[in-house]
Amino acid sequence: MNETAPRIQNLGGVYLIDTDHVGRPGTIGVYLLPLTDGTAALVEAGPGSTAHTVLQGIRSLGYEPAQVRHIFVTHVHLDHAGAAGRLARETGATVYVHQRGARHLSDPERLLASAARVYGDSMDELWGTMEPIPAGQVHALFDNDVIGLPGFNVEALDTPGHASHHMAYLLGDGTMFTGDAAGVRFPGVALIRPAVPPPETNLELWEETIAKMRAAVPERLLLTHFGEVHDAQGHLATLPERNRTWAQVVREGVEAGEGHDELTARVERLQEAEFDALNLDEPTRRKYRVSSDAAMTAMGLERYWRKKWEVG
């Protein structure tokens, strides 16, 4: 267990708690939003393996866990919602999630079995346990639902593309919590990487999502991977081209009959070329490699193309 004080940033009244996932700082964040009645809300829960770090972060900010009354997860993937059950038990909070993901929070067995097939023996180290949440603590959200909190309204935006059960959350001051819908980007770096894992990547839906996010006119984006983006419109305008670039590289390999290892190698070559073009340092390269994994990218985009061709 990590006993060191968690890394926390004040981003204009919203606090970013670094989960320090498997000893890699700056890759997965959880956001704490102070409310005007002395309670707090979280956006994202982080992996189950980092629940203790999030709880330390809550206390470091002067709150007891019982003062966290609301937890919003953007979707039910383990890096975003894995700790939701543990945090719900420790805090008693209501957990808000896309209506398609609600059943997985109450009964995560199927979700965990699917992840275990991908991660194998690394499952526990990477993601820890995902506890079920009593149905009475789960609040299913639909597009444009508005949750009134003390001092804030939170609007839920249905944002598929990365996953069918993905929500972004918009505050009245223009802050938008994007989960994976705005891709992966690290502070001070211009590079946006796609977040296109299996099994639900859908680039057509994603482009509709990006248009919807832009139409909401956010003032800033808060990414789970990782941190604050001030040029919200510029970032979102660039994202469709970034997704298409990576998708085309994988498409060419699939059309050439390449297997998974060869497709992964294609993604790695593109990845390293982009790193070299920006002269990124090795720590930043590692963050991108683990947050937008080449093997998962190849797998997700191969599946996307094969599904698309079957339908077409």
Protein backbone atom coordinates (compact mmCIF):
# COMPACT_ATOMS: atom_id res chain seq x y z
CA MET A 1 0.00 0.00 0.00
CA ASN A 2 1.21 3.46 -0.88
CA GLU A 3 1.50 5.40 2.39
CA THR A 4 2.91 8.60 0.89
CA ALA A 5 0.67 11.65 0.65
CA PRO A 6 -1.16 11.69 -2.68
CA ARG A 7 -0.33 14.31 -5.28
CA ILE A 8 -3.11 16.91 -5.43
CA GLN A 9 -3.56 19.92 -7.73
CA ASN A 10 -5.97 22.80 -7.29
CA LEU A 11 -7.43 23.46 -10.74
CA GLY A 12 -9.49 26.54 -10.07
CA GLY A 13 -11.59 25.18 -7.25
CA VAL A 14 -11.67 21.60 -8.55
CA TYR A 15 -9.02 19.31 -7.05
CA LEU A 16 -7.20 16.66 -9.05
CA ILE A 17 -6.20 13.64 -6.97
CA ASP A 18 -3.45 11.64 -8.67
CA THR A 19 -4.14 7.93 -8.16
CA ASP A 20 -0.44 7.10 -8.77
CA HIS A 21 -1.63 3.96 -10.53
CA VAL A 22 0.94 1.12 -10.14
CA GLY A 23 3.52 3.73 -9.20
CA ARG A 24 2.96 5.79 -12.35
CA PRO A 25 2.02 9.34 -11.35
CA GLY A 26 0.14 11.58 -13.72
CA THR A 27 -1.74 8.88 -15.64
CA ILE A 28 -5.17 8.42 -13.96
CA GLY A 29 -6.90 11.22 -12.09
CA VAL A 30 -9.93 11.55 -9.82
CA TYR A 31 -11.51 14.98 -9.35
CA LEU A 32 -12.96 16.32 -6.09
CA LEU A 33 -15.52 19.12 -6.28
CA PRO A 34 -16.15 21.00 -3.00
CA LEU A 35 -19.83 21.81 -2.50
CA THR A 36 -21.26 24.85 -0.75
CA ASP A 37 -22.81 22.88 2.12
CA GLY A 38 -19.45 21.49 3.26
CA THR A 39 -19.82 18.18 1.45
CA ALA A 40 -18.02 17.08 -1.72
CA ALA A 41 -18.51 15.23 -4.99
CA LEU A 42 -16.06 13.06 -6.91
CA VAL A 43 -15.83 12.72 -10.67
CA GLU A 44 -14.31 9.33 -11.46
CA ALA A 45 -13.34 6.71 -8.90
CA GLY A 46 -10.12 5.33 -10.33
CA PRO A 47 -9.03 1.68 -10.29
CA GLY A 48 -9.90 -0.55 -7.37
CA SER A 49 -6.18 -0.92 -6.71
CA THR A 50 -5.92 2.81 -5.94
CA ALA A 51 -8.99 3.28 -3.73
CA HIS A 52 -6.76 3.85 -0.69
CA THR A 53 -4.92 6.66 -2.49
CA VAL A 54 -8.21 8.38 -3.37
CA LEU A 55 -9.36 8.08 0.26
CA GLN A 56 -6.04 9.59 1.39
CA GLY A 57 -6.58 12.41 -1.07
CA ILE A 58 -10.06 13.10 0.27
CA ARG A 59 -8.70 13.35 3.80
CA SER A 60 -5.73 15.47 2.68
CA LEU A 61 -8.24 18.00 1.34
CA GLY A 62 -9.90 18.24 4.77
CA TYR A 63 -12.87 15.94 4.19
CA GLU A 64 -13.88 12.75 5.89
CA PRO A 65 -15.11 10.05 3.51
CA ALA A 66 -18.68 10.42 4.83
CA GLN A 67 -18.68 14.01 3.53
CA VAL A 68 -18.42 12.73 -0.05
CA ARG A 69 -22.08 12.44 -1.00
CA HIS A 70 -21.87 12.06 -4.79
CA ILE A 71 -19.62 10.07 -7.13
CA PHE A 72 -19.92 10.55 -10.90
CA VAL A 73 -18.20 8.00 -13.16
CA THR A 74 -17.87 8.69 -16.86
CA HIS A 75 -18.10 4.99 -17.74
CA VAL A 76 -17.58 1.60 -16.14
CA HIS A 77 -14.11 0.69 -17.45
CA LEU A 78 -11.87 -0.37 -14.59
CA ASP A 79 -9.53 2.63 -14.72
CA HIS A 80 -12.52 4.94 -14.21
CA ALA A 81 -14.99 3.01 -12.05
CA GLY A 82 -13.05 0.12 -10.53
CA ALA A 83 -12.95 1.75 -7.07
CA ALA A 84 -16.56 2.98 -7.18
CA GLY A 85 -17.86 0.13 -5.01
CA ARG A 86 -15.20 0.54 -2.33
CA LEU A 87 -15.68 4.31 -2.28
CA ALA A 88 -19.46 3.95 -2.19
CA ARG A 89 -19.13 1.63 0.82
CA GLU A 90 -16.70 3.95 2.63
CA THR A 91 -18.68 7.13 1.93
CA GLY A 92 -22.31 6.09 1.55
CA ALA A 93 -22.41 8.27 -1.59
CA THR A 94 -24.78 7.99 -4.51
CA VAL A 95 -22.94 6.82 -7.64
CA TYR A 96 -24.07 8.34 -10.94
CA VAL A 97 -23.45 6.43 -14.17
CA HIS A 98 -24.79 6.09 -17.70
CA GLN A 99 -27.96 4.01 -17.71
CA ARG A 100 -26.22 1.36 -19.86
CA GLY A 101 -23.51 0.94 -17.23
CA ALA A 102 -25.64 0.90 -14.08
CA ARG A 103 -26.10 -2.87 -13.96
CA HIS A 104 -22.34 -3.41 -14.14
CA LEU A 105 -21.82 -1.38 -10.97
CA SER A 106 -24.42 -3.39 -9.08
CA ASP A 107 -23.16 -6.69 -10.48
CA PRO A 108 -19.61 -6.34 -11.88
CA GLU A 109 -19.02 -10.09 -12.37
CA ARG A 110 -19.42 -10.04 -16.16
CA LEU A 111 -17.27 -6.92 -16.50
CA LEU A 112 -14.51 -8.44 -14.37
CA ALA A 113 -14.59 -11.74 -16.27
CA SER A 114 -14.17 -9.88 -19.55
CA ALA A 115 -11.25 -7.86 -18.18
CA ALA A 116 -9.61 -10.98 -16.74
CA ARG A 117 -9.53 -12.54 -20.22
CA VAL A 118 -7.53 -9.54 -21.43
CA TYR A 119 -5.23 -8.93 -18.44
CA GLY A 120 -4.78 -12.47 -17.12
CA ASP A 121 -2.36 -12.74 -14.21
CA SER A 122 -1.86 -8.96 -14.13
CA MET A 123 -5.52 -8.33 -13.30
CA ASP A 124 -5.19 -7.95 -9.52
CA GLU A 125 -2.01 -5.88 -9.63
CA LEU A 126 -3.41 -3.50 -12.22
CA TRP A 127 -7.01 -3.12 -11.18
CA GLY A 128 -7.56 -4.70 -7.76
CA THR A 129 -11.09 -5.64 -6.74
CA MET A 130 -14.34 -4.07 -7.93
CA GLU A 131 -16.99 -4.29 -5.25
CA PRO A 132 -20.69 -4.40 -6.18
CA ILE A 133 -22.71 -1.33 -5.23
CA PRO A 134 -26.19 -1.75 -3.70
CA ALA A 135 -28.77 -0.83 -6.33
CA GLY A 136 -30.18 1.85 -4.03
CA GLN A 137 -26.88 3.76 -4.23
CA VAL A 138 -26.71 3.70 -8.05
CA HIS A 139 -28.38 6.52 -9.99
CA ALA A 140 -28.76 5.77 -13.72
CA LEU A 141 -28.35 8.80 -15.97
CA PHE A 142 -29.81 9.64 -19.36
CA ASP A 143 -28.73 12.26 -21.90
CA ASN A 144 -29.14 15.85 -20.67
CA ASP A 145 -30.10 14.82 -17.14
CA VAL A 146 -29.23 17.59 -14.69
CA ILE A 147 -28.23 16.79 -11.11
CA GLY A 148 -28.59 19.69 -8.70
CA LEU A 149 -25.82 19.78 -6.11
CA PRO A 150 -25.22 22.45 -3.45
CA GLY A 151 -23.68 25.28 -5.43
CA PHE A 152 -23.54 23.46 -8.77
CA ASN A 153 -25.65 21.88 -11.45
CA VAL A 154 -24.10 18.90 -13.24
CA GLU A 155 -25.40 18.14 -16.75
CA ALA A 156 -24.84 14.61 -18.04
CA LEU A 157 -24.06 14.33 -21.75
CA ASP A 158 -24.38 10.97 -23.50
CA THR A 159 -21.02 10.71 -25.31
CA PRO A 160 -20.56 7.33 -27.06
CA GLY A 161 -17.66 6.40 -29.30
CA HIS A 162 -15.12 5.17 -26.78
CA ALA A 163 -17.87 3.14 -25.12
CA SER A 164 -21.65 3.02 -25.46
CA HIS A 165 -22.01 3.71 -21.73
CA HIS A 166 -19.98 6.93 -21.65
CA MET A 167 -21.05 10.23 -20.07
CA ALA A 168 -19.30 13.58 -19.98
CA TYR A 169 -20.25 16.00 -17.20
CA LEU A 170 -20.67 19.74 -17.68
CA LEU A 171 -20.75 22.32 -14.89
CA GLY A 172 -22.40 25.72 -15.20
CA ASP A 173 -19.01 27.46 -15.27
CA GLY A 174 -18.06 25.62 -18.46
CA THR A 175 -15.92 22.91 -16.87
CA MET A 176 -16.37 19.63 -18.74
CA PHE A 177 -15.17 16.31 -17.31
CA THR A 178 -14.49 14.24 -20.41
CA GLY A 179 -13.48 10.76 -19.26
CA ASP A 180 -12.04 9.20 -22.43
CA ALA A 181 -14.30 11.03 -24.90
CA ALA A 182 -11.62 13.70 -25.49
CA GLY A 183 -8.76 11.23 -25.79
CA VAL A 184 -5.48 11.15 -23.84
CA ARG A 185 -3.26 14.20 -23.38
CA PHE A 186 -0.76 15.23 -20.73
CA PRO A 187 -0.12 18.72 -19.35
CA GLY A 188 2.21 20.84 -21.42
CA VAL A 189 2.15 18.44 -24.39
CA ALA A 190 0.38 19.13 -27.68
CA LEU A 191 -0.06 15.45 -28.55
CA ILE A 192 -3.56 13.94 -28.37
CA ARG A 193 -3.70 10.13 -28.45
CA PRO A 194 -6.84 8.14 -29.19
CA ALA A 195 -8.50 6.03 -26.50
CA VAL A 196 -9.82 3.24 -28.73
CA PRO A 197 -9.85 -0.07 -26.82
CA PRO A 198 -12.09 -3.04 -27.58
CA PRO A 199 -14.91 -3.87 -27.73
CA GLU A 200 -17.05 -0.78 -28.44
CA THR A 201 -14.95 1.79 -30.32
CA ASN A 202 -17.19 3.47 -32.90
CA LEU A 203 -15.61 6.36 -34.78
CA GLU A 204 -18.82 7.53 -36.45
CA LEU A 205 -20.57 7.89 -33.10
CA TRP A 206 -17.44 9.49 -31.70
CA GLU A 207 -17.49 12.24 -34.31
CA GLU A 208 -21.11 12.98 -33.35
CA THR A 209 -20.00 13.06 -29.72
CA ILE A 210 -17.20 15.53 -30.48
CA ALA A 211 -19.64 17.82 -32.31
CA LYS A 212 -21.99 17.63 -29.33
CA MET A 213 -19.22 18.45 -26.87
CA ARG A 214 -18.13 21.43 -28.97
CA ALA A 215 -21.72 22.68 -29.20
CA ALA A 216 -21.86 22.73 -25.39
CA VAL A 217 -19.10 25.41 -25.56
CA PRO A 218 -16.95 24.20 -22.65
CA GLU A 219 -14.49 26.68 -21.19
CA ARG A 220 -12.05 23.96 -20.20
CA LEU A 221 -11.73 20.19 -20.32
CA LEU A 222 -10.69 18.03 -17.37
CA LEU A 223 -9.34 14.74 -18.71
CA THR A 224 -9.06 11.59 -16.64
CA HIS A 225 -5.81 10.93 -18.57
CA PHE A 226 -4.76 13.59 -17.52
CA GLY A 227 -5.51 17.03 -16.19
CA GLU A 228 -6.66 20.38 -17.52
CA VAL A 229 -6.96 21.58 -21.12
CA HIS A 230 -7.71 25.29 -21.55
CA ASP A 231 -8.10 25.35 -25.35
CA ALA A 232 -11.22 23.21 -25.30
CA GLN A 233 -12.42 24.02 -28.81
CA GLY A 234 -8.98 23.59 -30.35
CA HIS A 235 -8.48 20.25 -28.63
CA LEU A 236 -11.88 18.91 -29.67
CA ALA A 237 -11.51 20.18 -33.23
CA THR A 238 -8.26 18.22 -33.58
CA LEU A 239 -9.57 14.95 -32.13
CA PRO A 240 -11.47 13.54 -35.16
CA GLU A 241 -8.36 13.77 -37.34
CA ARG A 242 -6.30 12.08 -34.64
CA ASN A 243 -8.78 9.21 -34.41
CA ARG A 244 -8.87 8.83 -38.22
CA THR A 245 -5.08 8.83 -38.50
CA TRP A 246 -4.70 5.94 -36.09
CA ALA A 247 -7.67 4.07 -37.52
CA GLN A 248 -6.24 4.27 -41.05
CA VAL A 249 -2.89 2.79 -39.98
CA VAL A 250 -4.66 -0.22 -38.47
CA ARG A 251 -7.03 -0.54 -41.43
CA GLU A 252 -4.11 -0.85 -43.82
CA GLY A 253 -2.69 -3.67 -41.72
CA VAL A 254 -5.99 -5.51 -41.48
CA GLU A 255 -6.47 -5.23 -45.24
CA ALA A 256 -2.97 -6.66 -45.69
CA GLY A 257 -3.93 -9.69 -43.61
CA GLU A 258 -1.70 -8.86 -40.65
CA GLY A 259 -2.19 -10.50 -37.27
CA HIS A 260 -2.38 -8.86 -33.87
CA ASP A 261 1.37 -8.67 -33.28
CA GLU A 262 1.95 -7.05 -36.66
CA LEU A 263 -0.89 -4.57 -36.10
CA THR A 264 0.54 -3.70 -32.68
CA ALA A 265 3.94 -3.12 -34.28
CA ARG A 266 2.29 -0.73 -36.77
CA VAL A 267 0.77 1.25 -33.91
CA GLU A 268 4.08 1.31 -32.07
CA ARG A 269 5.89 2.68 -35.15
CA LEU A 270 3.36 5.49 -35.51
CA GLN A 271 3.52 6.16 -31.78
CA GLU A 272 7.29 6.44 -31.68
CA ALA A 273 7.39 8.61 -34.82
CA GLU A 274 4.99 11.06 -33.19
CA PHE A 275 7.04 11.07 -29.99
CA ASP A 276 10.21 11.75 -31.97
CA ALA A 277 8.58 14.56 -33.96
CA LEU A 278 7.79 16.35 -30.70
CA ASN A 279 11.08 15.36 -29.05
CA LEU A 280 9.22 14.06 -26.00
CA ASP A 281 11.21 12.97 -22.97
CA GLU A 282 11.10 9.34 -21.88
CA PRO A 283 8.85 9.83 -18.80
CA THR A 284 6.20 11.50 -20.99
CA ARG A 285 6.50 8.75 -23.60
CA ARG A 286 5.90 6.15 -20.90
CA LYS A 287 2.73 7.95 -19.78
CA TYR A 288 1.33 7.83 -23.30
CA ARG A 289 2.35 4.20 -23.77
CA VAL A 290 0.53 3.01 -20.65
CA SER A 291 -2.52 5.28 -20.98
CA SER A 292 -3.10 4.59 -24.69
CA ASP A 293 -1.63 1.10 -24.93
CA ALA A 294 -0.49 0.04 -28.41
CA ALA A 295 -1.80 -3.53 -28.14
CA MET A 296 -5.21 -2.35 -26.93
CA THR A 297 -5.31 0.32 -29.64
CA ALA A 298 -4.59 -2.27 -32.32
CA MET A 299 -7.16 -4.66 -30.88
CA GLY A 300 -9.86 -2.00 -30.57
CA LEU A 301 -9.40 -0.60 -34.06
CA GLU A 302 -9.14 -4.04 -35.69
CA ARG A 303 -12.44 -4.94 -34.06
CA TYR A 304 -13.96 -1.63 -35.18
CA TRP A 305 -13.05 -2.24 -38.84
CA ARG A 306 -14.21 -5.85 -38.88
CA LYS A 307 -17.56 -4.93 -37.33
CA LYS A 308 -17.95 -2.05 -39.77
CA TRP A 309 -17.23 -4.24 -42.77
CA GLU A 310 -19.65 -6.93 -41.57
CA VAL A 311 -22.45 -4.39 -41.34
CA GLY A 312 -21.47 -2.74 -44.61
